[in-house]
């Protein structure tokens, strides 16, 4: 997870740990909803790749 950009790390905290909805995250970070959806896809792909390497 530390290899991810800071905004994506913040996304993980807000969405997966704190349970915020994607629309809430987009609003609080001042980015578009589509950007947050992209982050989710990228984060899940990165985590899947990391799990496959272990």
PDB file of N, CA and C in Angstrom:
ATOM      1  N   UNK A   1       0.826  -1.195   0.000  1.00  0.00           N
ATOM      2  CA  UNK A   1       0.000   0.000   0.000  1.00  0.00           C
ATOM      3  C   UNK A   1       0.867   1.255   0.000  1.00  0.00           C
ATOM      4  N   UNK A   2       2.032   1.182   0.573  1.00  0.00           N
ATOM      5  CA  UNK A   2       2.888   2.368   0.643  1.00  0.00           C
ATOM      6  C   UNK A   2       3.424   2.793  -0.714  1.00  0.00           C
ATOM      7  N   UNK A   3       3.308   1.909  -1.725  1.00  0.00           N
ATOM      8  CA  UNK A   3       3.762   2.254  -3.064  1.00  0.00           C
ATOM      9  C   UNK A   3       2.737   3.108  -3.800  1.00  0.00           C
ATOM     10  N   UNK A   4       1.524   3.172  -3.287  1.00  0.00           N
ATOM     11  CA  UNK A   4       0.461   3.939  -3.933  1.00  0.00           C
ATOM     12  C   UNK A   4       0.639   5.430  -3.667  1.00  0.00           C
ATOM     13  N   UNK A   5       0.172   6.260  -4.599  1.00  0.00           N
ATOM     14  CA  UNK A   5       0.214   7.709  -4.377  1.00  0.00           C
ATOM     15  C   UNK A   5      -0.591   8.098  -3.131  1.00  0.00           C
ATOM     16  N   UNK A   6      -0.228   9.205  -2.495  1.00  0.00           N
ATOM     17  CA  UNK A   6      -0.911   9.629  -1.258  1.00  0.00           C
ATOM     18  C   UNK A   6      -2.434   9.733  -1.372  1.00  0.00           C
ATOM     19  N   UNK A   7      -2.937  10.259  -2.492  1.00  0.00           N
ATOM     20  CA  UNK A   7      -4.395  10.393  -2.647  1.00  0.00           C
ATOM     21  C   UNK A   7      -5.071   9.023  -2.642  1.00  0.00           C
ATOM     22  N   UNK A   8      -4.426   8.033  -3.251  1.00  0.00           N
ATOM     23  CA  UNK A   8      -5.006   6.696  -3.275  1.00  0.00           C
ATOM     24  C   UNK A   8      -4.927   6.046  -1.891  1.00  0.00           C
ATOM     25  N   UNK A   9      -3.877   6.332  -1.156  1.00  0.00           N
ATOM     26  CA  UNK A   9      -3.786   5.841   0.218  1.00  0.00           C
ATOM     27  C   UNK A   9      -4.902   6.457   1.066  1.00  0.00           C
ATOM     28  N   UNK A  10      -5.141   7.742   0.845  1.00  0.00           N
ATOM     29  CA  UNK A  10      -6.223   8.432   1.550  1.00  0.00           C
ATOM     30  C   UNK A  10      -7.574   7.828   1.161  1.00  0.00           C
ATOM     31  N   UNK A  11      -7.718   7.473  -0.109  1.00  0.00           N
ATOM     32  CA  UNK A  11      -8.942   6.837  -0.579  1.00  0.00           C
ATOM     33  C   UNK A  11      -9.180   5.522   0.166  1.00  0.00           C
ATOM     34  N   UNK A  12      -8.144   4.708   0.299  1.00  0.00           N
ATOM     35  CA  UNK A  12      -8.269   3.429   1.011  1.00  0.00           C
ATOM     36  C   UNK A  12      -8.763   3.670   2.429  1.00  0.00           C
ATOM     37  N   UNK A  13      -8.173   4.648   3.092  1.00  0.00           N
ATOM     38  CA  UNK A  13      -8.584   4.957   4.458  1.00  0.00           C
ATOM     39  C   UNK A  13     -10.048   5.390   4.514  1.00  0.00           C
ATOM     40  N   UNK A  14     -10.420   6.292   3.632  1.00  0.00           N
ATOM     41  CA  UNK A  14     -11.786   6.817   3.660  1.00  0.00           C
ATOM     42  C   UNK A  14     -12.829   5.781   3.244  1.00  0.00           C
ATOM     43  N   UNK A  15     -12.534   4.997   2.221  1.00  0.00           N
ATOM     44  CA  UNK A  15     -13.538   4.079   1.690  1.00  0.00           C
ATOM     45  C   UNK A  15     -13.564   2.736   2.412  1.00  0.00           C
ATOM     46  N   UNK A  16     -12.435   2.082   2.460  1.00  0.00           N
ATOM     47  CA  UNK A  16     -12.403   0.722   2.984  1.00  0.00           C
ATOM     48  C   UNK A  16     -12.325   0.663   4.512  1.00  0.00           C
ATOM     49  N   UNK A  17     -11.677   1.641   5.130  1.00  0.00           N
ATOM     50  CA  UNK A  17     -11.533   1.612   6.586  1.00  0.00           C
ATOM     51  C   UNK A  17     -12.656   2.380   7.268  1.00  0.00           C
ATOM     52  N   UNK A  18     -12.933   3.587   6.783  1.00  0.00           N
ATOM     53  CA  UNK A  18     -13.951   4.427   7.431  1.00  0.00           C
ATOM     54  C   UNK A  18     -15.337   4.264   6.831  1.00  0.00           C
ATOM     55  N   UNK A  19     -15.441   3.618   5.663  1.00  0.00           N
ATOM     56  CA  UNK A  19     -16.737   3.311   5.076  1.00  0.00           C
ATOM     57  C   UNK A  19     -17.454   4.437   4.362  1.00  0.00           C
ATOM     58  N   UNK A  20     -16.727   5.457   3.929  1.00  0.00           N
ATOM     59  CA  UNK A  20     -17.362   6.562   3.207  1.00  0.00           C
ATOM     60  C   UNK A  20     -17.754   6.115   1.799  1.00  0.00           C
ATOM     61  N   UNK A  21     -18.828   6.690   1.290  1.00  0.00           N
ATOM     62  CA  UNK A  21     -19.276   6.417  -0.074  1.00  0.00           C
ATOM     63  C   UNK A  21     -18.388   7.167  -1.062  1.00  0.00           C
ATOM     64  N   UNK A  22     -18.358   6.680  -2.295  1.00  0.00           N
ATOM     65  CA  UNK A  22     -17.518   7.295  -3.318  1.00  0.00           C
ATOM     66  C   UNK A  22     -17.881   8.758  -3.547  1.00  0.00           C
ATOM     67  N   UNK A  23     -19.169   9.068  -3.527  1.00  0.00           N
ATOM     68  CA  UNK A  23     -19.585  10.462  -3.732  1.00  0.00           C
ATOM     69  C   UNK A  23     -19.092  11.356  -2.592  1.00  0.00           C
ATOM     70  N   UNK A  24     -19.099  10.841  -1.384  1.00  0.00           N
ATOM     71  CA  UNK A  24     -18.610  11.610  -0.229  1.00  0.00           C
ATOM     72  C   UNK A  24     -17.108  11.870  -0.348  1.00  0.00           C
ATOM     73  N   UNK A  25     -16.387  10.867  -0.801  1.00  0.00           N
ATOM     74  CA  UNK A  25     -14.940  10.999  -0.951  1.00  0.00           C
ATOM     75  C   UNK A  25     -14.614  12.033  -2.020  1.00  0.00           C
ATOM     76  N   UNK A  26     -15.302  11.953  -3.139  1.00  0.00           N
ATOM     77  CA  UNK A  26     -15.072  12.917  -4.220  1.00  0.00           C
ATOM     78  C   UNK A  26     -15.308  14.336  -3.732  1.00  0.00           C
ATOM     79  N   UNK A  27     -16.383  14.529  -3.016  1.00  0.00           N
ATOM     80  CA  UNK A  27     -16.711  15.864  -2.511  1.00  0.00           C
ATOM     81  C   UNK A  27     -15.676  16.344  -1.495  1.00  0.00           C
ATOM     82  N   UNK A  28     -15.298  15.488  -0.561  1.00  0.00           N
ATOM     83  CA  UNK A  28     -14.372  15.916   0.490  1.00  0.00           C
ATOM     84  C   UNK A  28     -12.958  16.163  -0.031  1.00  0.00           C
ATOM     85  N   UNK A  29     -12.560  15.455  -1.095  1.00  0.00           N
ATOM     86  CA  UNK A  29     -11.222  15.650  -1.656  1.00  0.00           C
ATOM     87  C   UNK A  29     -11.210  16.658  -2.801  1.00  0.00           C
ATOM     88  N   UNK A  30     -12.379  17.104  -3.225  1.00  0.00           N
ATOM     89  CA  UNK A  30     -12.460  18.102  -4.285  1.00  0.00           C
ATOM     90  C   UNK A  30     -12.090  17.564  -5.654  1.00  0.00           C
ATOM     91  N   UNK A  31     -12.451  16.290  -5.896  1.00  0.00           N
ATOM     92  CA  UNK A  31     -12.196  15.684  -7.205  1.00  0.00           C
ATOM     93  C   UNK A  31     -13.514  15.158  -7.762  1.00  0.00           C
ATOM     94  N   UNK A  32     -13.504  14.797  -9.024  1.00  0.00           N
ATOM     95  CA  UNK A  32     -14.703  14.273  -9.651  1.00  0.00           C
ATOM     96  C   UNK A  32     -15.000  12.845  -9.224  1.00  0.00           C
ATOM     97  N   UNK A  33     -16.260  12.486  -9.333  1.00  0.00           N
ATOM     98  CA  UNK A  33     -16.692  11.127  -8.990  1.00  0.00           C
ATOM     99  C   UNK A  33     -15.964  10.098  -9.844  1.00  0.00           C
ATOM    100  N   UNK A  34     -15.770  10.405 -11.119  1.00  0.00           N
ATOM    101  CA  UNK A  34     -15.092   9.458 -12.009  1.00  0.00           C
ATOM    102  C   UNK A  34     -13.639   9.246 -11.581  1.00  0.00           C
ATOM    103  N   UNK A  35     -13.007  10.261 -11.027  1.00  0.00           N
ATOM    104  CA  UNK A  35     -11.645  10.133 -10.521  1.00  0.00           C
ATOM    105  C   UNK A  35     -11.602   9.151  -9.363  1.00  0.00           C
ATOM    106  N   UNK A  36     -12.572   9.244  -8.474  1.00  0.00           N
ATOM    107  CA  UNK A  36     -12.624   8.353  -7.321  1.00  0.00           C
ATOM    108  C   UNK A  36     -12.896   6.912  -7.775  1.00  0.00           C
ATOM    109  N   UNK A  37     -13.759   6.743  -8.767  1.00  0.00           N
ATOM    110  CA  UNK A  37     -14.004   5.400  -9.312  1.00  0.00           C
ATOM    111  C   UNK A  37     -12.722   4.823  -9.916  1.00  0.00           C
ATOM    112  N   UNK A  38     -11.958   5.662 -10.600  1.00  0.00           N
ATOM    113  CA  UNK A  38     -10.690   5.222 -11.175  1.00  0.00           C
ATOM    114  C   UNK A  38      -9.724   4.801 -10.069  1.00  0.00           C
ATOM    115  N   UNK A  39      -9.628   5.600  -9.012  1.00  0.00           N
ATOM    116  CA  UNK A  39      -8.767   5.244  -7.883  1.00  0.00           C
ATOM    117  C   UNK A  39      -9.152   3.891  -7.312  1.00  0.00           C
ATOM    118  N   UNK A  40     -10.447   3.643  -7.193  1.00  0.00           N
ATOM    119  CA  UNK A  40     -10.896   2.370  -6.635  1.00  0.00           C
ATOM    120  C   UNK A  40     -10.428   1.218  -7.506  1.00  0.00           C
ATOM    121  N   UNK A  41     -10.591   1.355  -8.816  1.00  0.00           N
ATOM    122  CA  UNK A  41     -10.134   0.300  -9.730  1.00  0.00           C
ATOM    123  C   UNK A  41      -8.628   0.097  -9.627  1.00  0.00           C
ATOM    124  N   UNK A  42      -7.879   1.200  -9.587  1.00  0.00           N
ATOM    125  CA  UNK A  42      -6.419   1.111  -9.518  1.00  0.00           C
ATOM    126  C   UNK A  42      -5.955   0.496  -8.201  1.00  0.00           C
ATOM    127  N   UNK A  43      -6.589   0.892  -7.118  1.00  0.00           N
ATOM    128  CA  UNK A  43      -6.229   0.361  -5.798  1.00  0.00           C
ATOM    129  C   UNK A  43      -6.505  -1.136  -5.740  1.00  0.00           C
ATOM    130  N   UNK A  44      -7.663  -1.547  -6.196  1.00  0.00           N
ATOM    131  CA  UNK A  44      -8.004  -2.967  -6.174  1.00  0.00           C
ATOM    132  C   UNK A  44      -7.048  -3.775  -7.058  1.00  0.00           C
ATOM    133  N   UNK A  45      -6.680  -3.235  -8.214  1.00  0.00           N
ATOM    134  CA  UNK A  45      -5.745  -3.927  -9.105  1.00  0.00           C
ATOM    135  C   UNK A  45      -4.366  -4.038  -8.457  1.00  0.00           C
ATOM    136  N   UNK A  46      -3.917  -2.964  -7.804  1.00  0.00           N
ATOM    137  CA  UNK A  46      -2.606  -2.974  -7.145  1.00  0.00           C
ATOM    138  C   UNK A  46      -2.593  -3.968  -5.995  1.00  0.00           C
ATOM    139  N   UNK A  47      -3.653  -3.997  -5.211  1.00  0.00           N
ATOM    140  CA  UNK A  47      -3.721  -4.929  -4.089  1.00  0.00           C
ATOM    141  C   UNK A  47      -3.767  -6.372  -4.586  1.00  0.00           C
ATOM    142  N   UNK A  48      -4.522  -6.602  -5.655  1.00  0.00           N
ATOM    143  CA  UNK A  48      -4.604  -7.948  -6.228  1.00  0.00           C
ATOM    144  C   UNK A  48      -3.229  -8.396  -6.715  1.00  0.00           C
ATOM    145  N   UNK A  49      -2.510  -7.487  -7.362  1.00  0.00           N
ATOM    146  CA  UNK A  49      -1.172  -7.807  -7.855  1.00  0.00           C
ATOM    147  C   UNK A  49      -0.232  -8.117  -6.687  1.00  0.00           C
ATOM    148  N   UNK A  50      -0.287  -7.313  -5.639  1.00  0.00           N
ATOM    149  CA  UNK A  50       0.571  -7.536  -4.479  1.00  0.00           C
ATOM    150  C   UNK A  50       0.269  -8.876  -3.818  1.00  0.00           C
ATOM    151  N   UNK A  51      -0.988  -9.238  -3.740  1.00  0.00           N
ATOM    152  CA  UNK A  51      -1.363 -10.511  -3.127  1.00  0.00           C
ATOM    153  C   UNK A  51      -0.871 -11.683  -3.962  1.00  0.00           C
ATOM    154  N   UNK A  52      -0.824 -11.511  -5.263  1.00  0.00           N
ATOM    155  CA  UNK A  52      -0.363 -12.562  -6.141  1.00  0.00           C
ATOM    156  C   UNK A  52       1.136 -12.798  -6.042  1.00  0.00           C
ATOM    157  N   UNK A  53       1.871 -11.787  -5.600  1.00  0.00           N
ATOM    158  CA  UNK A  53       3.320 -11.903  -5.483  1.00  0.00           C
ATOM    159  C   UNK A  53       3.752 -12.577  -4.194  1.00  0.00           C
ATOM    160  N   UNK A  54       2.861 -12.640  -3.219  1.00  0.00           N
ATOM    161  CA  UNK A  54       3.226 -13.214  -1.925  1.00  0.00           C
ATOM    162  C   UNK A  54       3.029 -14.702  -1.880  1.00  0.00           C
TER     163      UNK A  54
END
